[in-house]
PDB file of N, CA and C in Angstrom:
ATOM      1  N   MET A   1       0.842  -1.173   0.000  1.00  0.00           N
ATOM      2  CA  MET A   1       0.000   0.000   0.000  1.00  0.00           C
ATOM      3  C   MET A   1       0.892   1.243   0.000  1.00  0.00           C
ATOM      4  N   LEU A   2       0.587   2.196  -0.862  1.00  0.00           N
ATOM      5  CA  LEU A   2       1.352   3.427  -0.961  1.00  0.00           C
ATOM      6  C   LEU A   2       0.628   4.553  -0.234  1.00  0.00           C
ATOM      7  N   LYS A   3       1.402   5.372   0.497  1.00  0.00           N
ATOM      8  CA  LYS A   3       0.852   6.573   1.116  1.00  0.00           C
ATOM      9  C   LYS A   3       1.978   7.546   1.409  1.00  0.00           C
ATOM     10  N   PRO A   4       1.643   8.844   1.529  1.00  0.00           N
ATOM     11  CA  PRO A   4       2.682   9.837   1.821  1.00  0.00           C
ATOM     12  C   PRO A   4       3.219   9.685   3.239  1.00  0.00           C
ATOM     13  N   LEU A   5       4.452  10.057   3.425  1.00  0.00           N
ATOM     14  CA  LEU A   5       5.122   9.913   4.718  1.00  0.00           C
ATOM     15  C   LEU A   5       4.393  10.661   5.836  1.00  0.00           C
ATOM     16  N   HIS A   6       3.822  11.810   5.547  1.00  0.00           N
ATOM     17  CA  HIS A   6       3.155  12.580   6.617  1.00  0.00           C
ATOM     18  C   HIS A   6       1.902  11.884   7.151  1.00  0.00           C
ATOM     19  N   GLU A   7       1.387  10.862   6.464  1.00  0.00           N
ATOM     20  CA  GLU A   7       0.217  10.118   6.928  1.00  0.00           C
ATOM     21  C   GLU A   7       0.584   8.875   7.743  1.00  0.00           C
ATOM     22  N   PHE A   8       1.867   8.596   7.906  1.00  0.00           N
ATOM     23  CA  PHE A   8       2.306   7.433   8.679  1.00  0.00           C
ATOM     24  C   PHE A   8       1.951   7.623  10.149  1.00  0.00           C
ATOM     25  N   SER A   9       1.768   6.511  10.840  1.00  0.00           N
ATOM     26  CA  SER A   9       1.545   6.517  12.288  1.00  0.00           C
ATOM     27  C   SER A   9       2.886   6.298  12.983  1.00  0.00           C
ATOM     28  N   VAL A  10       2.974   6.704  14.235  1.00  0.00           N
ATOM     29  CA  VAL A  10       4.208   6.511  15.004  1.00  0.00           C
ATOM     30  C   VAL A  10       4.523   5.017  15.063  1.00  0.00           C
ATOM     31  N   GLY A  11       5.765   4.664  14.751  1.00  0.00           N
ATOM     32  CA  GLY A  11       6.210   3.280  14.760  1.00  0.00           C
ATOM     33  C   GLY A  11       6.109   2.594  13.403  1.00  0.00           C
ATOM     34  N   GLU A  12       5.449   3.217  12.451  1.00  0.00           N
ATOM     35  CA  GLU A  12       5.270   2.611  11.128  1.00  0.00           C
ATOM     36  C   GLU A  12       6.550   2.765  10.296  1.00  0.00           C
ATOM     37  N   THR A  13       6.841   1.750   9.499  1.00  0.00           N
ATOM     38  CA  THR A  13       8.045   1.717   8.668  1.00  0.00           C
ATOM     39  C   THR A  13       7.648   1.529   7.214  1.00  0.00           C
ATOM     40  N   GLY A  14       8.434   2.117   6.319  1.00  0.00           N
ATOM     41  CA  GLY A  14       8.166   1.958   4.901  1.00  0.00           C
ATOM     42  C   GLY A  14       9.403   2.203   4.060  1.00  0.00           C
ATOM     43  N   ILE A  15       9.246   1.950   2.773  1.00  0.00           N
ATOM     44  CA  ILE A  15      10.323   2.141   1.800  1.00  0.00           C
ATOM     45  C   ILE A  15       9.932   3.298   0.888  1.00  0.00           C
ATOM     46  N   VAL A  16      10.865   4.218   0.641  1.00  0.00           N
ATOM     47  CA  VAL A  16      10.612   5.359  -0.237  1.00  0.00           C
ATOM     48  C   VAL A  16      10.444   4.856  -1.670  1.00  0.00           C
ATOM     49  N   LYS A  17       9.341   5.248  -2.290  1.00  0.00           N
ATOM     50  CA  LYS A  17       9.093   4.888  -3.695  1.00  0.00           C
ATOM     51  C   LYS A  17       9.390   6.063  -4.609  1.00  0.00           C
ATOM     52  N   THR A  18       8.840   7.238  -4.300  1.00  0.00           N
ATOM     53  CA  THR A  18       9.091   8.422  -5.124  1.00  0.00           C
ATOM     54  C   THR A  18       9.216   9.654  -4.245  1.00  0.00           C
ATOM     55  N   VAL A  19       9.908  10.659  -4.770  1.00  0.00           N
ATOM     56  CA  VAL A  19      10.015  11.956  -4.112  1.00  0.00           C
ATOM     57  C   VAL A  19       9.598  12.998  -5.142  1.00  0.00           C
ATOM     58  N   SER A  20       8.540  13.737  -4.827  1.00  0.00           N
ATOM     59  CA  SER A  20       8.062  14.778  -5.730  1.00  0.00           C
ATOM     60  C   SER A  20       8.461  16.135  -5.174  1.00  0.00           C
ATOM     61  N   GLY A  21       7.886  17.189  -5.698  1.00  0.00           N
ATOM     62  CA  GLY A  21       8.166  18.523  -5.179  1.00  0.00           C
ATOM     63  C   GLY A  21       8.938  19.366  -6.155  1.00  0.00           C
ATOM     64  N   GLU A  22       8.986  20.653  -5.855  1.00  0.00           N
ATOM     65  CA  GLU A  22       9.684  21.617  -6.692  1.00  0.00           C
ATOM     66  C   GLU A  22      11.195  21.514  -6.462  1.00  0.00           C
ATOM     67  N   GLY A  23      11.972  22.059  -7.331  1.00  0.00           N
ATOM     68  CA  GLY A  23      13.419  21.937  -7.354  1.00  0.00           C
ATOM     69  C   GLY A  23      14.154  21.979  -6.029  1.00  0.00           C
ATOM     70  N   ILE A  24      14.059  23.092  -5.297  1.00  0.00           N
ATOM     71  CA  ILE A  24      14.835  23.254  -4.068  1.00  0.00           C
ATOM     72  C   ILE A  24      14.370  22.285  -2.985  1.00  0.00           C
ATOM     73  N   ILE A  25      13.059  22.119  -2.836  1.00  0.00           N
ATOM     74  CA  ILE A  25      12.539  21.204  -1.808  1.00  0.00           C
ATOM     75  C   ILE A  25      12.974  19.778  -2.117  1.00  0.00           C
ATOM     76  N   ARG A  26      12.819  19.370  -3.362  1.00  0.00           N
ATOM     77  CA  ARG A  26      13.191  18.008  -3.768  1.00  0.00           C
ATOM     78  C   ARG A  26      14.685  17.768  -3.546  1.00  0.00           C
ATOM     79  N   ARG A  27      15.499  18.739  -3.913  1.00  0.00           N
ATOM     80  CA  ARG A  27      16.954  18.627  -3.747  1.00  0.00           C
ATOM     81  C   ARG A  27      17.314  18.499  -2.263  1.00  0.00           C
ATOM     82  N   ARG A  28      16.665  19.299  -1.414  1.00  0.00           N
ATOM     83  CA  ARG A  28      16.933  19.261   0.028  1.00  0.00           C
ATOM     84  C   ARG A  28      16.584  17.887   0.602  1.00  0.00           C
ATOM     85  N   ILE A  29      15.450  17.334   0.173  1.00  0.00           N
ATOM     86  CA  ILE A  29      15.036  16.015   0.650  1.00  0.00           C
ATOM     87  C   ILE A  29      16.066  14.962   0.238  1.00  0.00           C
ATOM     88  N   PHE A  30      16.511  15.012  -1.012  1.00  0.00           N
ATOM     89  CA  PHE A  30      17.535  14.067  -1.484  1.00  0.00           C
ATOM     90  C   PHE A  30      18.837  14.234  -0.704  1.00  0.00           C
ATOM     91  N   ASP A  31      19.240  15.479  -0.429  1.00  0.00           N
ATOM     92  CA  ASP A  31      20.482  15.746   0.310  1.00  0.00           C
ATOM     93  C   ASP A  31      20.443  15.172   1.726  1.00  0.00           C
ATOM     94  N   MET A  32      19.247  15.023   2.297  1.00  0.00           N
ATOM     95  CA  MET A  32      19.104  14.463   3.638  1.00  0.00           C
ATOM     96  C   MET A  32      19.107  12.936   3.629  1.00  0.00           C
ATOM     97  N   GLY A  33      19.217  12.328   2.452  1.00  0.00           N
ATOM     98  CA  GLY A  33      19.286  10.876   2.365  1.00  0.00           C
ATOM     99  C   GLY A  33      17.956  10.197   2.102  1.00  0.00           C
ATOM    100  N   VAL A  34      16.912  10.990   1.902  1.00  0.00           N
ATOM    101  CA  VAL A  34      15.591  10.425   1.612  1.00  0.00           C
ATOM    102  C   VAL A  34      15.507  10.226   0.097  1.00  0.00           C
ATOM    103  N   THR A  35      15.906   9.041  -0.338  1.00  0.00           N
ATOM    104  CA  THR A  35      15.931   8.708  -1.757  1.00  0.00           C
ATOM    105  C   THR A  35      15.165   7.406  -1.993  1.00  0.00           C
ATOM    106  N   PRO A  36      14.713   7.166  -3.224  1.00  0.00           N
ATOM    107  CA  PRO A  36      13.997   5.913  -3.499  1.00  0.00           C
ATOM    108  C   PRO A  36      14.794   4.694  -3.037  1.00  0.00           C
ATOM    109  N   GLY A  37      14.113   3.799  -2.343  1.00  0.00           N
ATOM    110  CA  GLY A  37      14.749   2.593  -1.818  1.00  0.00           C
ATOM    111  C   GLY A  37      15.160   2.680  -0.365  1.00  0.00           C
ATOM    112  N   ALA A  38      15.210   3.890   0.188  1.00  0.00           N
ATOM    113  CA  ALA A  38      15.603   4.061   1.597  1.00  0.00           C
ATOM    114  C   ALA A  38      14.464   3.624   2.513  1.00  0.00           C
ATOM    115  N   GLU A  39      14.825   2.998   3.628  1.00  0.00           N
ATOM    116  CA  GLU A  39      13.836   2.586   4.624  1.00  0.00           C
ATOM    117  C   GLU A  39      13.704   3.685   5.664  1.00  0.00           C
ATOM    118  N   ILE A  40      12.465   4.054   5.987  1.00  0.00           N
ATOM    119  CA  ILE A  40      12.198   5.125   6.946  1.00  0.00           C
ATOM    120  C   ILE A  40      11.224   4.627   8.002  1.00  0.00           C
ATOM    121  N   THR A  41      11.521   4.945   9.265  1.00  0.00           N
ATOM    122  CA  THR A  41      10.624   4.642  10.382  1.00  0.00           C
ATOM    123  C   THR A  41      10.236   5.949  11.042  1.00  0.00           C
ATOM    124  N   LEU A  42       8.940   6.148  11.251  1.00  0.00           N
ATOM    125  CA  LEU A  42       8.446   7.340  11.933  1.00  0.00           C
ATOM    126  C   LEU A  42       8.513   7.112  13.435  1.00  0.00           C
ATOM    127  N   HIS A  43       9.191   8.025  14.158  1.00  0.00           N
ATOM    128  CA  HIS A  43       9.361   7.877  15.605  1.00  0.00           C
ATOM    129  C   HIS A  43       8.480   8.812  16.411  1.00  0.00           C
ATOM    130  N   LYS A  44       8.377  10.058  15.998  1.00  0.00           N
ATOM    131  CA  LYS A  44       7.615  11.038  16.769  1.00  0.00           C
ATOM    132  C   LYS A  44       6.897  11.998  15.845  1.00  0.00           C
ATOM    133  N   LYS A  45       5.769  12.522  16.346  1.00  0.00           N
ATOM    134  CA  LYS A  45       5.054  13.599  15.680  1.00  0.00           C
ATOM    135  C   LYS A  45       4.819  14.691  16.709  1.00  0.00           C
ATOM    136  N   ALA A  46       5.001  15.935  16.318  1.00  0.00           N
ATOM    137  CA  ALA A  46       4.688  17.060  17.202  1.00  0.00           C
ATOM    138  C   ALA A  46       3.177  17.083  17.424  1.00  0.00           C
ATOM    139  N   PRO A  47       2.721  17.748  18.477  1.00  0.00           N
ATOM    140  CA  PRO A  47       1.290  17.760  18.790  1.00  0.00           C
ATOM    141  C   PRO A  47       0.380  18.141  17.612  1.00  0.00           C
ATOM    142  N   LEU A  48       0.796  19.058  16.787  1.00  0.00           N
ATOM    143  CA  LEU A  48      -0.014  19.450  15.629  1.00  0.00           C
ATOM    144  C   LEU A  48       0.438  18.750  14.347  1.00  0.00           C
ATOM    145  N   GLY A  49       1.318  17.763  14.486  1.00  0.00           N
ATOM    146  CA  GLY A  49       1.762  16.978  13.332  1.00  0.00           C
ATOM    147  C   GLY A  49       2.902  17.579  12.547  1.00  0.00           C
ATOM    148  N   ASP A  50       3.473  18.663  13.026  1.00  0.00           N
ATOM    149  CA  ASP A  50       4.557  19.317  12.291  1.00  0.00           C
ATOM    150  C   ASP A  50       5.569  19.864  13.279  1.00  0.00           C
ATOM    151  N   PRO A  51       6.815  19.428  13.295  1.00  0.00           N
ATOM    152  CA  PRO A  51       7.460  18.475  12.388  1.00  0.00           C
ATOM    153  C   PRO A  51       7.291  17.026  12.843  1.00  0.00           C
ATOM    154  N   ILE A  52       7.880  16.127  12.054  1.00  0.00           N
ATOM    155  CA  ILE A  52       7.920  14.718  12.412  1.00  0.00           C
ATOM    156  C   ILE A  52       9.381  14.295  12.527  1.00  0.00           C
ATOM    157  N   GLU A  53       9.634  13.263  13.342  1.00  0.00           N
ATOM    158  CA  GLU A  53      10.992  12.736  13.494  1.00  0.00           C
ATOM    159  C   GLU A  53      11.016  11.320  12.941  1.00  0.00           C
ATOM    160  N   VAL A  54      11.962  11.083  12.033  1.00  0.00           N
ATOM    161  CA  VAL A  54      12.096   9.778  11.395  1.00  0.00           C
ATOM    162  C   VAL A  54      13.534   9.288  11.512  1.00  0.00           C
ATOM    163  N   THR A  55      13.713   7.988  11.294  1.00  0.00           N
ATOM    164  CA  THR A  55      15.055   7.434  11.162  1.00  0.00           C
ATOM    165  C   THR A  55      15.228   7.008   9.719  1.00  0.00           C
ATOM    166  N   VAL A  56      16.297   7.477   9.098  1.00  0.00           N
ATOM    167  CA  VAL A  56      16.622   7.119   7.723  1.00  0.00           C
ATOM    168  C   VAL A  56      18.126   6.900   7.638  1.00  0.00           C
ATOM    169  N   ARG A  57      18.527   5.782   7.053  1.00  0.00           N
ATOM    170  CA  ARG A  57      19.947   5.445   6.873  1.00  0.00           C
ATOM    171  C   ARG A  57      20.739   5.509   8.181  1.00  0.00           C
ATOM    172  N   GLY A  58      20.094   5.138   9.298  1.00  0.00           N
ATOM    173  CA  GLY A  58      20.782   5.043  10.574  1.00  0.00           C
ATOM    174  C   GLY A  58      20.863   6.325  11.381  1.00  0.00           C
ATOM    175  N   TYR A  59      20.237   7.405  10.941  1.00  0.00           N
ATOM    176  CA  TYR A  59      20.262   8.627  11.744  1.00  0.00           C
ATOM    177  C   TYR A  59      18.870   9.232  11.841  1.00  0.00           C
ATOM    178  N   LYS A  60      18.659  10.026  12.896  1.00  0.00           N
ATOM    179  CA  LYS A  60      17.361  10.664  13.111  1.00  0.00           C
ATOM    180  C   LYS A  60      17.309  11.984  12.355  1.00  0.00           C
ATOM    181  N   LEU A  61      16.131  12.261  11.815  1.00  0.00           N
ATOM    182  CA  LEU A  61      15.941  13.422  10.963  1.00  0.00           C
ATOM    183  C   LEU A  61      14.573  14.022  11.253  1.00  0.00           C
ATOM    184  N   SER A  62      14.496  15.340  11.324  1.00  0.00           N
ATOM    185  CA  SER A  62      13.205  16.020  11.471  1.00  0.00           C
ATOM    186  C   SER A  62      12.803  16.591  10.127  1.00  0.00           C
ATOM    187  N   LEU A  63      11.547  16.357   9.762  1.00  0.00           N
ATOM    188  CA  LEU A  63      11.014  16.860   8.498  1.00  0.00           C
ATOM    189  C   LEU A  63       9.763  17.674   8.753  1.00  0.00           C
ATOM    190  N   ARG A  64       9.586  18.725   7.985  1.00  0.00           N
ATOM    191  CA  ARG A  64       8.342  19.477   8.029  1.00  0.00           C
ATOM    192  C   ARG A  64       7.259  18.659   7.336  1.00  0.00           C
ATOM    193  N   LYS A  65       6.024  18.950   7.671  1.00  0.00           N
ATOM    194  CA  LYS A  65       4.893  18.236   7.068  1.00  0.00           C
ATOM    195  C   LYS A  65       4.886  18.434   5.546  1.00  0.00           C
ATOM    196  N   THR A  66       5.242  19.632   5.072  1.00  0.00           N
ATOM    197  CA  THR A  66       5.262  19.886   3.629  1.00  0.00           C
ATOM    198  C   THR A  66       6.319  19.045   2.928  1.00  0.00           C
ATOM    199  N   GLU A  67       7.459  18.844   3.577  1.00  0.00           N
ATOM    200  CA  GLU A  67       8.508  17.992   3.009  1.00  0.00           C
ATOM    201  C   GLU A  67       8.069  16.536   3.017  1.00  0.00           C
ATOM    202  N   ALA A  68       7.499  16.098   4.126  1.00  0.00           N
ATOM    203  CA  ALA A  68       7.063  14.701   4.262  1.00  0.00           C
ATOM    204  C   ALA A  68       5.951  14.370   3.272  1.00  0.00           C
ATOM    205  N   SER A  69       5.141  15.347   2.908  1.00  0.00           N
ATOM    206  CA  SER A  69       4.054  15.094   1.963  1.00  0.00           C
ATOM    207  C   SER A  69       4.573  14.863   0.542  1.00  0.00           C
ATOM    208  N   CYS A  70       5.814  15.212   0.280  1.00  0.00           N
ATOM    209  CA  CYS A  70       6.428  14.987  -1.042  1.00  0.00           C
ATOM    210  C   CYS A  70       6.997  13.580  -1.190  1.00  0.00           C
ATOM    211  N   VAL A  71       7.043  12.829  -0.100  1.00  0.00           N
ATOM    212  CA  VAL A  71       7.664  11.498  -0.096  1.00  0.00           C
ATOM    213  C   VAL A  71       6.571  10.422  -0.104  1.00  0.00           C
ATOM    214  N   THR A  72       6.500   9.660  -1.206  1.00  0.00           N
ATOM    215  CA  THR A  72       5.547   8.564  -1.304  1.00  0.00           C
ATOM    216  C   THR A  72       6.233   7.293  -0.845  1.00  0.00           C
ATOM    217  N   MET A  73       5.575   6.604   0.094  1.00  0.00           N
ATOM    218  CA  MET A  73       6.157   5.424   0.743  1.00  0.00           C
ATOM    219  C   MET A  73       5.329   4.181   0.478  1.00  0.00           C
ATOM    220  N   GLU A  74       6.004   3.031   0.466  1.00  0.00           N
ATOM    221  CA  GLU A  74       5.311   1.752   0.472  1.00  0.00           C
ATOM    222  C   GLU A  74       5.395   1.205   1.900  1.00  0.00           C
ATOM    223  N   VAL A  75       4.244   0.987   2.510  1.00  0.00           N
ATOM    224  CA  VAL A  75       4.198   0.518   3.889  1.00  0.00           C
ATOM    225  C   VAL A  75       4.799  -0.880   3.970  1.00  0.00           C
ATOM    226  N   LYS A  76       5.702  -1.036   4.921  1.00  0.00           N
ATOM    227  CA  LYS A  76       6.367  -2.325   5.125  1.00  0.00           C
ATOM    228  C   LYS A  76       5.638  -3.078   6.227  1.00  0.00           C
ATOM    229  N   GLY A  77       5.404  -4.340   5.992  1.00  0.00           N
ATOM    230  CA  GLY A  77       4.832  -5.000   7.105  1.00  0.00           C
ATOM    231  C   GLY A  77       3.939  -6.106   6.875  1.00  0.00           C
TER     232      GLY A  77
END
């Protein structure tokens, strides 16, 4: 099942399928290691859902909801 990263629940894991977005946002996401094939686990969400904390490639990363909405994931499990 495919869904955007910002819709994941805490503890859910998935594999990055695609990264959309405009030039600078897309480039920033790629520079942080969020690329197709990477495994991401959602660890925390702020009270209003922005930002979120994920683990990607062995390190913790905070993403804004707008950035996370550009990442399409395949739910693992």
